[in-house]
Amino acid sequence: MEMFLKVTDTFRSLKETRLSSLRPLSEFFDYQRISRPADLNQATSRISYNTRYFSGNYLIIVALFAVYSILTDLRLLFSLIFLVGGFTLINKFAPEATQVGEHTITQKHLYTGLFVIGIPMLWWAGPIAAIFGIFFGSALLVLAHAALLEPGVESDYATVQDQV
């Protein structure tokens, strides 16, 4: 239960900090502001500004890449469901030791069995390829969007506010 509270607190703080800065889709997909940067310096300054300005939108893109990656790889999906579901079921239905014949089965035994089966299943599913796919796919999309989208007029005033 305590772990669940920590996870919900983490999501709540993430929502308050990152997702509160979500920009409207009309601004995020403003095709009239798309142009090729003149040089590497301009591309770098656009990336620097846009990654801060659209950080909430980019976080959602990374999350969508992760969900897509998990849903399209059935082995990974099944192994994650097995591990998370097993962990949840053990916590919910087996908090106390159970006597089966002459043997006493504790939560520790159940967790050991779950991990002996679940970790090789997860390894066989290839989560490292999924992680690299999520990382490089989202990085490519975020950097391309940030480099090609011209900052709005408000970016000129952002430097004035920093100096004051």
C-alpha atoms as a PDB file:
ATOM      1  CA  MET A   1       0.000   0.000   0.000  1.00  0.00           C
ATOM      2  CA  GLU A   2       2.848   2.363   0.847  1.00  0.00           C
ATOM      3  CA  MET A   3       4.430   1.740  -2.553  1.00  0.00           C
ATOM      4  CA  PHE A   4       1.129   2.568  -4.254  1.00  0.00           C
ATOM      5  CA  LEU A   5       0.984   5.888  -2.382  1.00  0.00           C
ATOM      6  CA  LYS A   6       4.528   6.735  -3.486  1.00  0.00           C
ATOM      7  CA  VAL A   7       3.646   6.000  -7.115  1.00  0.00           C
ATOM      8  CA  THR A   8       0.498   8.138  -6.960  1.00  0.00           C
ATOM      9  CA  ASP A   9       2.450  10.978  -5.316  1.00  0.00           C
ATOM     10  CA  THR A  10       5.062  10.748  -8.074  1.00  0.00           C
ATOM     11  CA  PHE A  11       2.391  10.923 -10.785  1.00  0.00           C
ATOM     12  CA  ARG A  12       0.679  13.807  -8.998  1.00  0.00           C
ATOM     13  CA  SER A  13       3.903  15.817  -8.804  1.00  0.00           C
ATOM     14  CA  LEU A  14       4.662  14.982 -12.442  1.00  0.00           C
ATOM     15  CA  LYS A  15       1.216  16.232 -13.421  1.00  0.00           C
ATOM     16  CA  GLU A  16       1.663  19.448 -11.452  1.00  0.00           C
ATOM     17  CA  THR A  17       5.140  20.210 -12.803  1.00  0.00           C
ATOM     18  CA  ARG A  18       5.450  18.898 -16.359  1.00  0.00           C
ATOM     19  CA  LEU A  19       1.920  18.391 -17.595  1.00  0.00           C
ATOM     20  CA  SER A  20       0.772  21.775 -16.358  1.00  0.00           C
ATOM     21  CA  SER A  21       2.948  23.275 -19.091  1.00  0.00           C
ATOM     22  CA  LEU A  22       1.051  21.537 -21.909  1.00  0.00           C
ATOM     23  CA  ARG A  23       0.662  23.782 -24.909  1.00  0.00           C
ATOM     24  CA  PRO A  24      -2.412  23.665 -27.159  1.00  0.00           C
ATOM     25  CA  LEU A  25      -2.268  21.346 -30.154  1.00  0.00           C
ATOM     26  CA  SER A  26      -2.895  24.265 -32.503  1.00  0.00           C
ATOM     27  CA  GLU A  27       0.322  25.837 -31.242  1.00  0.00           C
ATOM     28  CA  PHE A  28       2.249  22.562 -31.187  1.00  0.00           C
ATOM     29  CA  PHE A  29       1.269  21.679 -34.771  1.00  0.00           C
ATOM     30  CA  ASP A  30       1.449  25.207 -36.208  1.00  0.00           C
ATOM     31  CA  TYR A  31       2.635  24.352 -39.720  1.00  0.00           C
ATOM     32  CA  GLN A  32       3.003  28.043 -40.653  1.00  0.00           C
ATOM     33  CA  ARG A  33       5.937  28.351 -38.243  1.00  0.00           C
ATOM     34  CA  ILE A  34       7.843  25.402 -39.694  1.00  0.00           C
ATOM     35  CA  SER A  35      11.023  26.351 -41.516  1.00  0.00           C
ATOM     36  CA  ARG A  36      14.487  25.004 -42.052  1.00  0.00           C
ATOM     37  CA  PRO A  37      17.040  26.569 -39.687  1.00  0.00           C
ATOM     38  CA  ALA A  38      19.684  28.679 -41.434  1.00  0.00           C
ATOM     39  CA  ASP A  39      22.630  27.157 -39.591  1.00  0.00           C
ATOM     40  CA  LEU A  40      23.559  24.949 -36.660  1.00  0.00           C
ATOM     41  CA  ASN A  41      23.474  27.857 -34.182  1.00  0.00           C
ATOM     42  CA  GLN A  42      19.889  28.692 -35.078  1.00  0.00           C
ATOM     43  CA  ALA A  43      18.908  25.001 -34.876  1.00  0.00           C
ATOM     44  CA  THR A  44      20.545  24.730 -31.447  1.00  0.00           C
ATOM     45  CA  SER A  45      18.789  27.816 -30.116  1.00  0.00           C
ATOM     46  CA  ARG A  46      15.438  26.575 -31.464  1.00  0.00           C
ATOM     47  CA  ILE A  47      15.961  23.175 -29.856  1.00  0.00           C
ATOM     48  CA  SER A  48      16.933  24.804 -26.565  1.00  0.00           C
ATOM     49  CA  TYR A  49      13.885  27.055 -26.503  1.00  0.00           C
ATOM     50  CA  ASN A  50      11.320  24.595 -27.873  1.00  0.00           C
ATOM     51  CA  THR A  51      12.312  21.734 -25.574  1.00  0.00           C
ATOM     52  CA  ARG A  52      11.668  23.969 -22.569  1.00  0.00           C
ATOM     53  CA  TYR A  53       8.533  25.540 -24.024  1.00  0.00           C
ATOM     54  CA  PHE A  54       6.917  22.266 -25.183  1.00  0.00           C
ATOM     55  CA  SER A  55       8.311  20.008 -22.422  1.00  0.00           C
ATOM     56  CA  GLY A  56       4.861  18.720 -21.416  1.00  0.00           C
ATOM     57  CA  ASN A  57       3.949  17.916 -25.005  1.00  0.00           C
ATOM     58  CA  TYR A  58       7.247  16.114 -25.544  1.00  0.00           C
ATOM     59  CA  LEU A  59       6.712  14.099 -22.349  1.00  0.00           C
ATOM     60  CA  ILE A  60       3.389  12.898 -23.734  1.00  0.00           C
ATOM     61  CA  ILE A  61       5.104  11.918 -27.009  1.00  0.00           C
ATOM     62  CA  VAL A  62       7.634   9.803 -25.094  1.00  0.00           C
ATOM     63  CA  ALA A  63       4.833   8.197 -23.065  1.00  0.00           C
ATOM     64  CA  LEU A  64       2.876   7.409 -26.238  1.00  0.00           C
ATOM     65  CA  PHE A  65       5.995   5.836 -27.768  1.00  0.00           C
ATOM     66  CA  ALA A  66       6.370   3.673 -24.641  1.00  0.00           C
ATOM     67  CA  VAL A  67       2.725   2.557 -24.665  1.00  0.00           C
ATOM     68  CA  TYR A  68       2.890   1.819 -28.394  1.00  0.00           C
ATOM     69  CA  SER A  69       6.081  -0.170 -27.946  1.00  0.00           C
ATOM     70  CA  ILE A  70       4.601  -2.287 -25.163  1.00  0.00           C
ATOM     71  CA  LEU A  71       1.274  -2.863 -26.906  1.00  0.00           C
ATOM     72  CA  THR A  72       2.835  -3.940 -30.205  1.00  0.00           C
ATOM     73  CA  ASP A  73       5.270  -6.427 -28.622  1.00  0.00           C
ATOM     74  CA  LEU A  74       3.046  -9.194 -27.260  1.00  0.00           C
ATOM     75  CA  ARG A  75       5.897 -11.035 -25.516  1.00  0.00           C
ATOM     76  CA  LEU A  76       6.852  -7.883 -23.630  1.00  0.00           C
ATOM     77  CA  LEU A  77       3.221  -7.101 -22.825  1.00  0.00           C
ATOM     78  CA  PHE A  78       2.571 -10.635 -21.545  1.00  0.00           C
ATOM     79  CA  SER A  79       5.720 -10.744 -19.416  1.00  0.00           C
ATOM     80  CA  LEU A  80       4.972  -7.320 -17.861  1.00  0.00           C
ATOM     81  CA  ILE A  81       1.383  -8.364 -17.117  1.00  0.00           C
ATOM     82  CA  PHE A  82       2.694 -11.602 -15.605  1.00  0.00           C
ATOM     83  CA  LEU A  83       5.191  -9.823 -13.335  1.00  0.00           C
ATOM     84  CA  VAL A  84       2.985  -6.907 -12.271  1.00  0.00           C
ATOM     85  CA  GLY A  85      -0.104  -9.097 -11.937  1.00  0.00           C
ATOM     86  CA  GLY A  86       1.781 -11.737  -9.963  1.00  0.00           C
ATOM     87  CA  PHE A  87       3.231  -9.121  -7.634  1.00  0.00           C
ATOM     88  CA  THR A  88      -0.227  -7.622  -7.102  1.00  0.00           C
ATOM     89  CA  LEU A  89      -1.896 -10.991  -6.529  1.00  0.00           C
ATOM     90  CA  ILE A  90       0.756 -12.098  -4.043  1.00  0.00           C
ATOM     91  CA  ASN A  91       0.353  -8.864  -2.078  1.00  0.00           C
ATOM     92  CA  LYS A  92      -3.431  -9.081  -2.116  1.00  0.00           C
ATOM     93  CA  PHE A  93      -4.142 -12.782  -1.552  1.00  0.00           C
ATOM     94  CA  ALA A  94      -1.070 -14.160   0.240  1.00  0.00           C
ATOM     95  CA  PRO A  95       0.041 -11.722   2.944  1.00  0.00           C
ATOM     96  CA  GLU A  96       0.246 -14.543   5.503  1.00  0.00           C
ATOM     97  CA  ALA A  97       2.175 -17.796   5.322  1.00  0.00           C
ATOM     98  CA  THR A  98       0.121 -20.749   4.070  1.00  0.00           C
ATOM     99  CA  GLN A  99       0.480 -24.368   5.165  1.00  0.00           C
ATOM    100  CA  VAL A 100       0.363 -26.903   2.314  1.00  0.00           C
ATOM    101  CA  GLY A 101       0.824 -30.397   3.698  1.00  0.00           C
ATOM    102  CA  GLU A 102       4.090 -30.363   5.607  1.00  0.00           C
ATOM    103  CA  HIS A 103       5.398 -27.249   3.856  1.00  0.00           C
ATOM    104  CA  THR A 104       4.895 -23.620   4.806  1.00  0.00           C
ATOM    105  CA  ILE A 105       4.729 -21.251   1.834  1.00  0.00           C
ATOM    106  CA  THR A 106       5.573 -17.642   2.620  1.00  0.00           C
ATOM    107  CA  GLN A 107       5.446 -14.491   0.513  1.00  0.00           C
ATOM    108  CA  LYS A 108       9.181 -14.811   0.034  1.00  0.00           C
ATOM    109  CA  HIS A 109       8.727 -18.231  -1.609  1.00  0.00           C
ATOM    110  CA  LEU A 110       6.001 -16.890  -3.877  1.00  0.00           C
ATOM    111  CA  TYR A 111       8.112 -13.886  -4.923  1.00  0.00           C
ATOM    112  CA  THR A 112      11.052 -16.161  -5.624  1.00  0.00           C
ATOM    113  CA  GLY A 113       8.880 -18.363  -7.852  1.00  0.00           C
ATOM    114  CA  LEU A 114       7.443 -15.325  -9.600  1.00  0.00           C
ATOM    115  CA  PHE A 115      10.867 -13.888 -10.361  1.00  0.00           C
ATOM    116  CA  VAL A 116      12.385 -17.248 -11.359  1.00  0.00           C
ATOM    117  CA  ILE A 117       9.693 -17.530 -14.025  1.00  0.00           C
ATOM    118  CA  GLY A 118       9.065 -13.843 -14.786  1.00  0.00           C
ATOM    119  CA  ILE A 119      12.607 -12.500 -15.212  1.00  0.00           C
ATOM    120  CA  PRO A 120      13.600 -15.021 -17.925  1.00  0.00           C
ATOM    121  CA  MET A 121      10.261 -14.318 -19.635  1.00  0.00           C
ATOM    122  CA  LEU A 122      11.010 -10.606 -19.547  1.00  0.00           C
ATOM    123  CA  TRP A 123      14.553 -11.151 -20.812  1.00  0.00           C
ATOM    124  CA  TRP A 124      13.229 -13.311 -23.675  1.00  0.00           C
ATOM    125  CA  ALA A 125      10.803 -10.506 -24.598  1.00  0.00           C
ATOM    126  CA  GLY A 126      13.709  -8.156 -25.318  1.00  0.00           C
ATOM    127  CA  PRO A 127      12.992  -5.048 -23.243  1.00  0.00           C
ATOM    128  CA  ILE A 128      16.352  -3.489 -24.132  1.00  0.00           C
ATOM    129  CA  ALA A 129      15.376  -3.234 -27.790  1.00  0.00           C
ATOM    130  CA  ALA A 130      12.099  -1.618 -26.749  1.00  0.00           C
ATOM    131  CA  ILE A 131      13.919   0.870 -24.507  1.00  0.00           C
ATOM    132  CA  PHE A 132      16.318   1.839 -27.284  1.00  0.00           C
ATOM    133  CA  GLY A 133      13.431   2.094 -29.743  1.00  0.00           C
ATOM    134  CA  ILE A 134      11.517   4.388 -27.405  1.00  0.00           C
ATOM    135  CA  PHE A 135      14.599   6.490 -26.709  1.00  0.00           C
ATOM    136  CA  PHE A 136      15.805   6.941 -30.279  1.00  0.00           C
ATOM    137  CA  GLY A 137      12.352   7.230 -31.842  1.00  0.00           C
ATOM    138  CA  SER A 138      11.171   9.886 -29.439  1.00  0.00           C
ATOM    139  CA  ALA A 139      14.537  11.703 -29.534  1.00  0.00           C
ATOM    140  CA  LEU A 140      14.402  11.859 -33.321  1.00  0.00           C
ATOM    141  CA  LEU A 141      10.834  13.135 -33.352  1.00  0.00           C
ATOM    142  CA  VAL A 142      11.367  15.669 -30.544  1.00  0.00           C
ATOM    143  CA  LEU A 143      14.626  17.043 -31.981  1.00  0.00           C
ATOM    144  CA  ALA A 144      13.176  17.301 -35.495  1.00  0.00           C
ATOM    145  CA  HIS A 145      10.084  19.139 -34.232  1.00  0.00           C
ATOM    146  CA  ALA A 146      12.119  21.427 -31.971  1.00  0.00           C
ATOM    147  CA  ALA A 147      14.618  22.281 -34.715  1.00  0.00           C
ATOM    148  CA  LEU A 148      12.058  22.925 -37.452  1.00  0.00           C
ATOM    149  CA  LEU A 149       9.503  24.950 -35.472  1.00  0.00           C
ATOM    150  CA  GLU A 150      10.318  28.636 -35.227  1.00  0.00           C
ATOM    151  CA  PRO A 151       9.871  30.022 -31.718  1.00  0.00           C
ATOM    152  CA  GLY A 152       6.926  32.353 -31.311  1.00  0.00           C
ATOM    153  CA  VAL A 153       7.080  36.037 -30.541  1.00  0.00           C
ATOM    154  CA  GLU A 154       7.072  35.261 -26.813  1.00  0.00           C
ATOM    155  CA  SER A 155      10.593  33.820 -27.130  1.00  0.00           C
ATOM    156  CA  ASP A 156      11.967  37.334 -27.721  1.00  0.00           C
ATOM    157  CA  TYR A 157      10.485  38.441 -24.407  1.00  0.00           C
ATOM    158  CA  ALA A 158      11.802  35.399 -22.537  1.00  0.00           C
ATOM    159  CA  THR A 159      15.380  36.680 -22.819  1.00  0.00           C
ATOM    160  CA  VAL A 160      14.289  40.115 -21.545  1.00  0.00           C
ATOM    161  CA  GLN A 161      12.666  38.531 -18.483  1.00  0.00           C
ATOM    162  CA  ASP A 162      15.835  36.514 -17.772  1.00  0.00           C
ATOM    163  CA  GLN A 163      17.949  39.688 -17.786  1.00  0.00           C
ATOM    164  CA  VAL A 164      15.684  41.604 -15.379  1.00  0.00           C
END
